[in-house]
All heavy atoms as atom14 arrays in JSON, in Angstrom:
{
  "sequence": "EPTQLPKGIDRFTLKTMRETIKSIGKPVGADEVAELA",
  "atom14_mask": [
    [1, 1, 1, 1, 1, 1, 1, 1, 1, 0, 0, 0, 0, 0],
    [1, 1, 1, 1, 1, 1, 1, 0, 0, 0, 0, 0, 0, 0],
    [1, 1, 1, 1, 1, 1, 1, 0, 0, 0, 0, 0, 0, 0],
    [1, 1, 1, 1, 1, 1, 1, 1, 1, 0, 0, 0, 0, 0],
    [1, 1, 1, 1, 1, 1, 1, 1, 0, 0, 0, 0, 0, 0],
    [1, 1, 1, 1, 1, 1, 1, 0, 0, 0, 0, 0, 0, 0],
    [1, 1, 1, 1, 1, 1, 1, 1, 1, 0, 0, 0, 0, 0],
    [1, 1, 1, 1, 0, 0, 0, 0, 0, 0, 0, 0, 0, 0],
    [1, 1, 1, 1, 1, 1, 1, 1, 0, 0, 0, 0, 0, 0],
    [1, 1, 1, 1, 1, 1, 1, 1, 0, 0, 0, 0, 0, 0],
    [1, 1, 1, 1, 1, 1, 1, 1, 1, 1, 1, 0, 0, 0],
    [1, 1, 1, 1, 1, 1, 1, 1, 1, 1, 1, 0, 0, 0],
    [1, 1, 1, 1, 1, 1, 1, 0, 0, 0, 0, 0, 0, 0],
    [1, 1, 1, 1, 1, 1, 1, 1, 0, 0, 0, 0, 0, 0],
    [1, 1, 1, 1, 1, 1, 1, 1, 1, 0, 0, 0, 0, 0],
    [1, 1, 1, 1, 1, 1, 1, 0, 0, 0, 0, 0, 0, 0],
    [1, 1, 1, 1, 1, 1, 1, 1, 0, 0, 0, 0, 0, 0],
    [1, 1, 1, 1, 1, 1, 1, 1, 1, 1, 1, 0, 0, 0],
    [1, 1, 1, 1, 1, 1, 1, 1, 1, 0, 0, 0, 0, 0],
    [1, 1, 1, 1, 1, 1, 1, 0, 0, 0, 0, 0, 0, 0],
    [1, 1, 1, 1, 1, 1, 1, 1, 0, 0, 0, 0, 0, 0],
    [1, 1, 1, 1, 1, 1, 1, 1, 1, 0, 0, 0, 0, 0],
    [1, 1, 1, 1, 1, 1, 0, 0, 0, 0, 0, 0, 0, 0],
    [1, 1, 1, 1, 1, 1, 1, 1, 0, 0, 0, 0, 0, 0],
    [1, 1, 1, 1, 0, 0, 0, 0, 0, 0, 0, 0, 0, 0],
    [1, 1, 1, 1, 1, 1, 1, 1, 1, 0, 0, 0, 0, 0],
    [1, 1, 1, 1, 1, 1, 1, 0, 0, 0, 0, 0, 0, 0],
    [1, 1, 1, 1, 1, 1, 1, 0, 0, 0, 0, 0, 0, 0],
    [1, 1, 1, 1, 0, 0, 0, 0, 0, 0, 0, 0, 0, 0],
    [1, 1, 1, 1, 1, 0, 0, 0, 0, 0, 0, 0, 0, 0],
    [1, 1, 1, 1, 1, 1, 1, 1, 0, 0, 0, 0, 0, 0],
    [1, 1, 1, 1, 1, 1, 1, 1, 1, 0, 0, 0, 0, 0],
    [1, 1, 1, 1, 1, 1, 1, 0, 0, 0, 0, 0, 0, 0],
    [1, 1, 1, 1, 1, 0, 0, 0, 0, 0, 0, 0, 0, 0],
    [1, 1, 1, 1, 1, 1, 1, 1, 1, 0, 0, 0, 0, 0],
    [1, 1, 1, 1, 1, 1, 1, 1, 0, 0, 0, 0, 0, 0],
    [1, 1, 1, 1, 1, 0, 0, 0, 0, 0, 0, 0, 0, 0]
  ],
  "atom14_positions": [
    [[0.83, -1.2, 0.0], [0.0, 0.0, 0.0], [0.86, 1.25, 0.0], [1.77, 1.38, 0.82], [-0.87, -0.01, 1.26], [-1.86, 1.13, 1.32], [-3.02, 0.93, 0.39], [-2.88, 1.32, -0.78], [-4.03, 0.38, 0.81], [0.0, 0.0, 0.0], [0.0, 0.0, 0.0], [0.0, 0.0, 0.0], [0.0, 0.0, 0.0], [0.0, 0.0, 0.0]],
    [[0.66, 2.17, -0.92], [1.44, 3.4, -0.91], [1.17, 4.2, 0.36], [0.07, 4.18, 0.9], [0.91, 4.15, -2.15], [0.23, 3.12, -2.98], [-0.29, 2.11, -2.03], [0.0, 0.0, 0.0], [0.0, 0.0, 0.0], [0.0, 0.0, 0.0], [0.0, 0.0, 0.0], [0.0, 0.0, 0.0], [0.0, 0.0, 0.0], [0.0, 0.0, 0.0]],
    [[2.2, 4.89, 0.84], [2.01, 5.73, 2.02], [1.17, 6.95, 1.69], [0.48, 7.48, 2.54], [3.38, 6.18, 2.57], [4.1, 6.83, 1.53], [4.19, 4.98, 3.04], [0.0, 0.0, 0.0], [0.0, 0.0, 0.0], [0.0, 0.0, 0.0], [0.0, 0.0, 0.0], [0.0, 0.0, 0.0], [0.0, 0.0, 0.0], [0.0, 0.0, 0.0]],
    [[1.24, 7.4, 0.45], [0.44, 8.54, 0.01], [-0.25, 8.18, -1.3], [0.4, 7.97, -2.32], [1.32, 9.77, -0.17], [0.52, 11.01, -0.57], [1.41, 12.24, -0.67], [2.6, 12.18, -0.38], [0.83, 13.34, -1.08], [0.0, 0.0, 0.0], [0.0, 0.0, 0.0], [0.0, 0.0, 0.0], [0.0, 0.0, 0.0], [0.0, 0.0, 0.0]],
    [[-1.57, 8.1, -1.26], [-2.32, 7.72, -2.45], [-2.43, 8.9, -3.41], [-2.4, 10.05, -2.99], [-3.72, 7.24, -2.04], [-3.76, 5.95, -1.23], [-5.16, 5.71, -0.68], [-3.33, 4.76, -2.07], [0.0, 0.0, 0.0], [0.0, 0.0, 0.0], [0.0, 0.0, 0.0], [0.0, 0.0, 0.0], [0.0, 0.0, 0.0], [0.0, 0.0, 0.0]],
    [[-2.57, 8.62, -4.71], [-2.71, 9.7, -5.69], [-3.99, 10.49, -5.47], [-4.92, 10.04, -4.79], [-2.76, 8.95, -7.03], [-2.22, 7.6, -6.76], [-2.55, 7.3, -5.33], [0.0, 0.0, 0.0], [0.0, 0.0, 0.0], [0.0, 0.0, 0.0], [0.0, 0.0, 0.0], [0.0, 0.0, 0.0], [0.0, 0.0, 0.0], [0.0, 0.0, 0.0]],
    [[-4.05, 11.67, -6.04], [-5.27, 12.47, -5.98], [-6.43, 11.68, -6.56], [-6.29, 11.01, -7.58], [-5.1, 13.76, -6.77], [-4.25, 14.81, -6.09], [-4.23, 16.09, -6.92], [-3.44, 17.19, -6.24], [-3.41, 18.43, -7.05], [0.0, 0.0, 0.0], [0.0, 0.0, 0.0], [0.0, 0.0, 0.0], [0.0, 0.0, 0.0], [0.0, 0.0, 0.0]],
    [[-7.59, 11.77, -5.91], [-8.77, 11.09, -6.41], [-8.91, 9.67, -5.92], [-9.87, 8.98, -6.27], [0.0, 0.0, 0.0], [0.0, 0.0, 0.0], [0.0, 0.0, 0.0], [0.0, 0.0, 0.0], [0.0, 0.0, 0.0], [0.0, 0.0, 0.0], [0.0, 0.0, 0.0], [0.0, 0.0, 0.0], [0.0, 0.0, 0.0], [0.0, 0.0, 0.0]],
    [[-7.97, 9.19, -5.11], [-8.02, 7.83, -4.56], [-8.0, 7.93, -3.04], [-7.06, 8.47, -2.46], [-6.82, 6.97, -5.03], [-6.74, 6.92, -6.55], [-6.88, 5.57, -4.43], [-7.85, 6.15, -7.22], [0.0, 0.0, 0.0], [0.0, 0.0, 0.0], [0.0, 0.0, 0.0], [0.0, 0.0, 0.0], [0.0, 0.0, 0.0], [0.0, 0.0, 0.0]],
    [[-9.05, 7.43, -2.39], [-9.05, 7.42, -0.93], [-9.1, 5.98, -0.42], [-9.57, 5.07, -1.12], [-10.21, 8.24, -0.36], [-11.56, 7.57, -0.55], [-11.88, 6.65, 0.22], [-12.29, 7.98, -1.47], [0.0, 0.0, 0.0], [0.0, 0.0, 0.0], [0.0, 0.0, 0.0], [0.0, 0.0, 0.0], [0.0, 0.0, 0.0], [0.0, 0.0, 0.0]],
    [[-8.6, 5.75, 0.77], [-8.43, 4.4, 1.29], [-9.75, 3.66, 1.49], [-9.85, 2.45, 1.25], [-7.63, 4.43, 2.6], [-6.23, 4.95, 2.42], [-5.4, 4.85, 3.7], [-4.14, 5.54, 3.51], [-3.09, 5.03, 2.88], [-3.18, 3.81, 2.4], [-1.98, 5.72, 2.74], [0.0, 0.0, 0.0], [0.0, 0.0, 0.0], [0.0, 0.0, 0.0]],
    [[-10.78, 4.37, 1.93], [-12.05, 3.71, 2.2], [-12.66, 3.16, 0.91], [-13.07, 2.0, 0.84], [-13.02, 4.69, 2.87], [-14.39, 4.09, 3.1], [-14.62, 3.23, 4.16], [-15.44, 4.39, 2.24], [-15.88, 2.67, 4.36], [-16.69, 3.84, 2.44], [-16.91, 2.98, 3.5], [0.0, 0.0, 0.0], [0.0, 0.0, 0.0], [0.0, 0.0, 0.0]],
    [[-12.73, 4.01, -0.11], [-13.29, 3.57, -1.39], [-12.42, 2.5, -2.03], [-12.93, 1.53, -2.62], [-13.45, 4.75, -2.36], [-14.19, 5.79, -1.71], [-14.17, 4.34, -3.63], [0.0, 0.0, 0.0], [0.0, 0.0, 0.0], [0.0, 0.0, 0.0], [0.0, 0.0, 0.0], [0.0, 0.0, 0.0], [0.0, 0.0, 0.0], [0.0, 0.0, 0.0]],
    [[-11.12, 2.62, -1.89], [-10.2, 1.61, -2.44], [-10.45, 0.26, -1.77], [-10.47, -0.78, -2.45], [-8.75, 2.06, -2.22], [-7.66, 1.15, -2.78], [-7.82, 0.97, -4.28], [-6.28, 1.72, -2.44], [0.0, 0.0, 0.0], [0.0, 0.0, 0.0], [0.0, 0.0, 0.0], [0.0, 0.0, 0.0], [0.0, 0.0, 0.0], [0.0, 0.0, 0.0]],
    [[-10.65, 0.26, -0.46], [-10.94, -0.97, 0.26], [-12.25, -1.59, -0.24], [-12.35, -2.81, -0.45], [-11.03, -0.69, 1.76], [-11.31, -1.91, 2.64], [-11.21, -1.51, 4.11], [-11.43, -2.72, 5.01], [-12.82, -3.2, 5.0], [0.0, 0.0, 0.0], [0.0, 0.0, 0.0], [0.0, 0.0, 0.0], [0.0, 0.0, 0.0], [0.0, 0.0, 0.0]],
    [[-13.26, -0.75, -0.47], [-14.54, -1.23, -0.98], [-14.38, -1.86, -2.36], [-14.95, -2.93, -2.64], [-15.55, -0.06, -1.06], [-15.74, 0.5, 0.24], [-16.89, -0.54, -1.61], [0.0, 0.0, 0.0], [0.0, 0.0, 0.0], [0.0, 0.0, 0.0], [0.0, 0.0, 0.0], [0.0, 0.0, 0.0], [0.0, 0.0, 0.0], [0.0, 0.0, 0.0]],
    [[-13.61, -1.21, -3.21], [-13.39, -1.74, -4.56], [-12.67, -3.08, -4.52], [-13.0, -4.01, -5.26], [-12.57, -0.73, -5.39], [-13.33, 0.51, -5.76], [-14.72, 0.15, -6.86], [-15.44, 1.78, -7.0], [0.0, 0.0, 0.0], [0.0, 0.0, 0.0], [0.0, 0.0, 0.0], [0.0, 0.0, 0.0], [0.0, 0.0, 0.0], [0.0, 0.0, 0.0]],
    [[-11.68, -3.19, -3.65], [-10.95, -4.46, -3.53], [-11.88, -5.58, -3.09], [-11.87, -6.68, -3.65], [-9.81, -4.3, -2.52], [-8.62, -3.52, -3.05], [-7.63, -3.22, -1.95], [-6.4, -2.63, -2.47], [-5.6, -1.84, -1.77], [-5.92, -1.5, -0.53], [-4.5, -1.36, -2.32], [0.0, 0.0, 0.0], [0.0, 0.0, 0.0], [0.0, 0.0, 0.0]],
    [[-12.69, -5.29, -2.09], [-13.62, -6.31, -1.59], [-14.64, -6.7, -2.65], [-15.0, -7.88, -2.77], [-14.31, -5.8, -0.32], [-13.37, -5.64, 0.87], [-14.02, -4.95, 2.05], [-15.15, -4.41, 1.86], [-13.43, -4.94, 3.15], [0.0, 0.0, 0.0], [0.0, 0.0, 0.0], [0.0, 0.0, 0.0], [0.0, 0.0, 0.0], [0.0, 0.0, 0.0]],
    [[-15.09, -5.71, -3.43], [-16.07, -5.99, -4.48], [-15.48, -6.9, -5.55], [-16.09, -7.9, -5.96], [-16.54, -4.67, -5.13], [-17.13, -3.84, -4.13], [-17.56, -4.93, -6.23], [0.0, 0.0, 0.0], [0.0, 0.0, 0.0], [0.0, 0.0, 0.0], [0.0, 0.0, 0.0], [0.0, 0.0, 0.0], [0.0, 0.0, 0.0], [0.0, 0.0, 0.0]],
    [[-14.28, -6.58, -6.02], [-13.63, -7.39, -7.05], [-13.4, -8.81, -6.55], [-13.65, -9.8, -7.26], [-12.29, -6.75, -7.48], [-12.54, -5.49, -8.3], [-11.45, -7.73, -8.29], [-13.07, -5.75, -9.69], [0.0, 0.0, 0.0], [0.0, 0.0, 0.0], [0.0, 0.0, 0.0], [0.0, 0.0, 0.0], [0.0, 0.0, 0.0], [0.0, 0.0, 0.0]],
    [[-12.91, -8.94, -5.32], [-12.64, -10.27, -4.77], [-13.91, -11.09, -4.64], [-13.91, -12.31, -4.85], [-11.96, -10.14, -3.41], [-10.51, -9.67, -3.49], [-9.9, -9.57, -2.1], [-8.44, -9.15, -2.16], [-7.82, -9.02, -0.82], [0.0, 0.0, 0.0], [0.0, 0.0, 0.0], [0.0, 0.0, 0.0], [0.0, 0.0, 0.0], [0.0, 0.0, 0.0]],
    [[-15.01, -10.43, -4.29], [-16.27, -11.15, -4.1], [-16.86, -11.66, -5.4], [-17.57, -12.67, -5.43], [-17.29, -10.25, -3.39], [-17.71, -9.19, -4.24], [0.0, 0.0, 0.0], [0.0, 0.0, 0.0], [0.0, 0.0, 0.0], [0.0, 0.0, 0.0], [0.0, 0.0, 0.0], [0.0, 0.0, 0.0], [0.0, 0.0, 0.0], [0.0, 0.0, 0.0]],
    [[-16.57, -10.97, -6.51], [-17.12, -11.38, -7.8], [-16.44, -12.64, -8.31], [-17.09, -13.57, -8.8], [-16.99, -10.24, -8.83], [-17.83, -9.04, -8.38], [-17.42, -10.7, -10.22], [-17.63, -7.79, -9.22], [0.0, 0.0, 0.0], [0.0, 0.0, 0.0], [0.0, 0.0, 0.0], [0.0, 0.0, 0.0], [0.0, 0.0, 0.0], [0.0, 0.0, 0.0]],
    [[-15.12, -12.69, -8.21], [-14.4, -13.91, -8.53], [-14.27, -14.24, -10.0], [-13.94, -15.37, -10.37], [0.0, 0.0, 0.0], [0.0, 0.0, 0.0], [0.0, 0.0, 0.0], [0.0, 0.0, 0.0], [0.0, 0.0, 0.0], [0.0, 0.0, 0.0], [0.0, 0.0, 0.0], [0.0, 0.0, 0.0], [0.0, 0.0, 0.0], [0.0, 0.0, 0.0]],
    [[-14.57, -13.29, -10.87], [-14.42, -13.52, -12.32], [-14.16, -12.17, -12.99], [-14.42, -11.12, -12.39], [-15.68, -14.15, -12.9], [-16.91, -13.26, -12.8], [-18.13, -13.92, -13.45], [-19.34, -12.96, -13.39], [-20.54, -13.57, -14.03], [0.0, 0.0, 0.0], [0.0, 0.0, 0.0], [0.0, 0.0, 0.0], [0.0, 0.0, 0.0], [0.0, 0.0, 0.0]],
    [[-13.64, -12.17, -14.22], [-13.43, -10.89, -14.92], [-14.72, -10.1, -15.02], [-15.78, -10.64, -15.35], [-12.92, -11.33, -16.29], [-12.29, -12.65, -16.06], [-13.14, -13.31, -15.01], [0.0, 0.0, 0.0], [0.0, 0.0, 0.0], [0.0, 0.0, 0.0], [0.0, 0.0, 0.0], [0.0, 0.0, 0.0], [0.0, 0.0, 0.0], [0.0, 0.0, 0.0]],
    [[-14.65, -8.81, -14.74], [-15.85, -7.99, -14.66], [-15.55, -6.6, -15.2], [-14.42, -6.1, -15.12], [-16.35, -7.93, -13.19], [-15.32, -7.24, -12.31], [-17.69, -7.24, -13.08], [0.0, 0.0, 0.0], [0.0, 0.0, 0.0], [0.0, 0.0, 0.0], [0.0, 0.0, 0.0], [0.0, 0.0, 0.0], [0.0, 0.0, 0.0], [0.0, 0.0, 0.0]],
    [[-16.57, -5.95, -15.76], [-16.42, -4.61, -16.29], [-16.68, -3.54, -15.25], [-17.21, -3.81, -14.17], [0.0, 0.0, 0.0], [0.0, 0.0, 0.0], [0.0, 0.0, 0.0], [0.0, 0.0, 0.0], [0.0, 0.0, 0.0], [0.0, 0.0, 0.0], [0.0, 0.0, 0.0], [0.0, 0.0, 0.0], [0.0, 0.0, 0.0], [0.0, 0.0, 0.0]],
    [[-16.35, -2.31, -15.59], [-16.5, -1.2, -14.65], [-17.96, -0.93, -14.3], [-18.27, -0.54, -13.17], [-15.86, 0.06, -15.24], [0.0, 0.0, 0.0], [0.0, 0.0, 0.0], [0.0, 0.0, 0.0], [0.0, 0.0, 0.0], [0.0, 0.0, 0.0], [0.0, 0.0, 0.0], [0.0, 0.0, 0.0], [0.0, 0.0, 0.0], [0.0, 0.0, 0.0]],
    [[-18.88, -1.16, -15.24], [-20.3, -0.91, -14.96], [-20.81, -1.8, -13.83], [-21.51, -1.33, -12.92], [-21.14, -1.15, -16.22], [-21.0, -0.02, -17.22], [-20.69, 1.11, -16.8], [-21.19, -0.26, -18.43], [0.0, 0.0, 0.0], [0.0, 0.0, 0.0], [0.0, 0.0, 0.0], [0.0, 0.0, 0.0], [0.0, 0.0, 0.0], [0.0, 0.0, 0.0]],
    [[-20.46, -3.08, -13.89], [-20.93, -4.01, -12.85], [-20.28, -3.69, -11.51], [-20.94, -3.74, -10.46], [-20.62, -5.45, -13.25], [-21.2, -6.48, -12.27], [-21.02, -7.91, -12.75], [-20.63, -8.11, -13.92], [-21.26, -8.82, -11.94], [0.0, 0.0, 0.0], [0.0, 0.0, 0.0], [0.0, 0.0, 0.0], [0.0, 0.0, 0.0], [0.0, 0.0, 0.0]],
    [[-18.99, -3.35, -11.52], [-18.32, -2.98, -10.28], [-18.96, -1.74, -9.67], [-19.2, -1.67, -8.47], [-16.81, -2.75, -10.53], [-16.14, -2.2, -9.27], [-16.14, -4.04, -10.95], [0.0, 0.0, 0.0], [0.0, 0.0, 0.0], [0.0, 0.0, 0.0], [0.0, 0.0, 0.0], [0.0, 0.0, 0.0], [0.0, 0.0, 0.0], [0.0, 0.0, 0.0]],
    [[-19.27, -0.75, -10.52], [-19.89, 0.48, -10.04], [-21.24, 0.19, -9.38], [-21.56, 0.74, -8.32], [-20.07, 1.45, -11.21], [0.0, 0.0, 0.0], [0.0, 0.0, 0.0], [0.0, 0.0, 0.0], [0.0, 0.0, 0.0], [0.0, 0.0, 0.0], [0.0, 0.0, 0.0], [0.0, 0.0, 0.0], [0.0, 0.0, 0.0], [0.0, 0.0, 0.0]],
    [[-22.03, -0.68, -10.0], [-23.35, -1.01, -9.45], [-23.23, -1.72, -8.11], [-23.94, -1.38, -7.16], [-24.1, -1.9, -10.45], [-25.52, -2.23, -10.0], [-26.28, -3.05, -11.03], [-25.73, -3.26, -12.14], [-27.41, -3.46, -10.72], [0.0, 0.0, 0.0], [0.0, 0.0, 0.0], [0.0, 0.0, 0.0], [0.0, 0.0, 0.0], [0.0, 0.0, 0.0]],
    [[-22.31, -2.67, -8.01], [-22.16, -3.42, -6.77], [-21.54, -2.59, -5.65], [-21.89, -2.76, -4.48], [-21.3, -4.67, -7.02], [-21.93, -5.75, -7.9], [-20.91, -6.83, -8.22], [-23.15, -6.36, -7.22], [0.0, 0.0, 0.0], [0.0, 0.0, 0.0], [0.0, 0.0, 0.0], [0.0, 0.0, 0.0], [0.0, 0.0, 0.0], [0.0, 0.0, 0.0]],
    [[-20.63, -1.68, -6.03], [-19.95, -0.88, -5.02], [-20.72, 0.4, -4.68], [-20.36, 1.1, -3.73], [-18.54, -0.52, -5.51], [0.0, 0.0, 0.0], [0.0, 0.0, 0.0], [0.0, 0.0, 0.0], [0.0, 0.0, 0.0], [0.0, 0.0, 0.0], [0.0, 0.0, 0.0], [0.0, 0.0, 0.0], [0.0, 0.0, 0.0], [0.0, 0.0, 0.0]]
  ]
}
């Protein structure tokens, strides 16, 4: 994990995105990730 995230990236949303991708378990597009997250 970077000590300083780039502009527009926050740790809470990043954690949510990671959990969402892991839960899907298959290749997925941005639209589906957006809906689930």
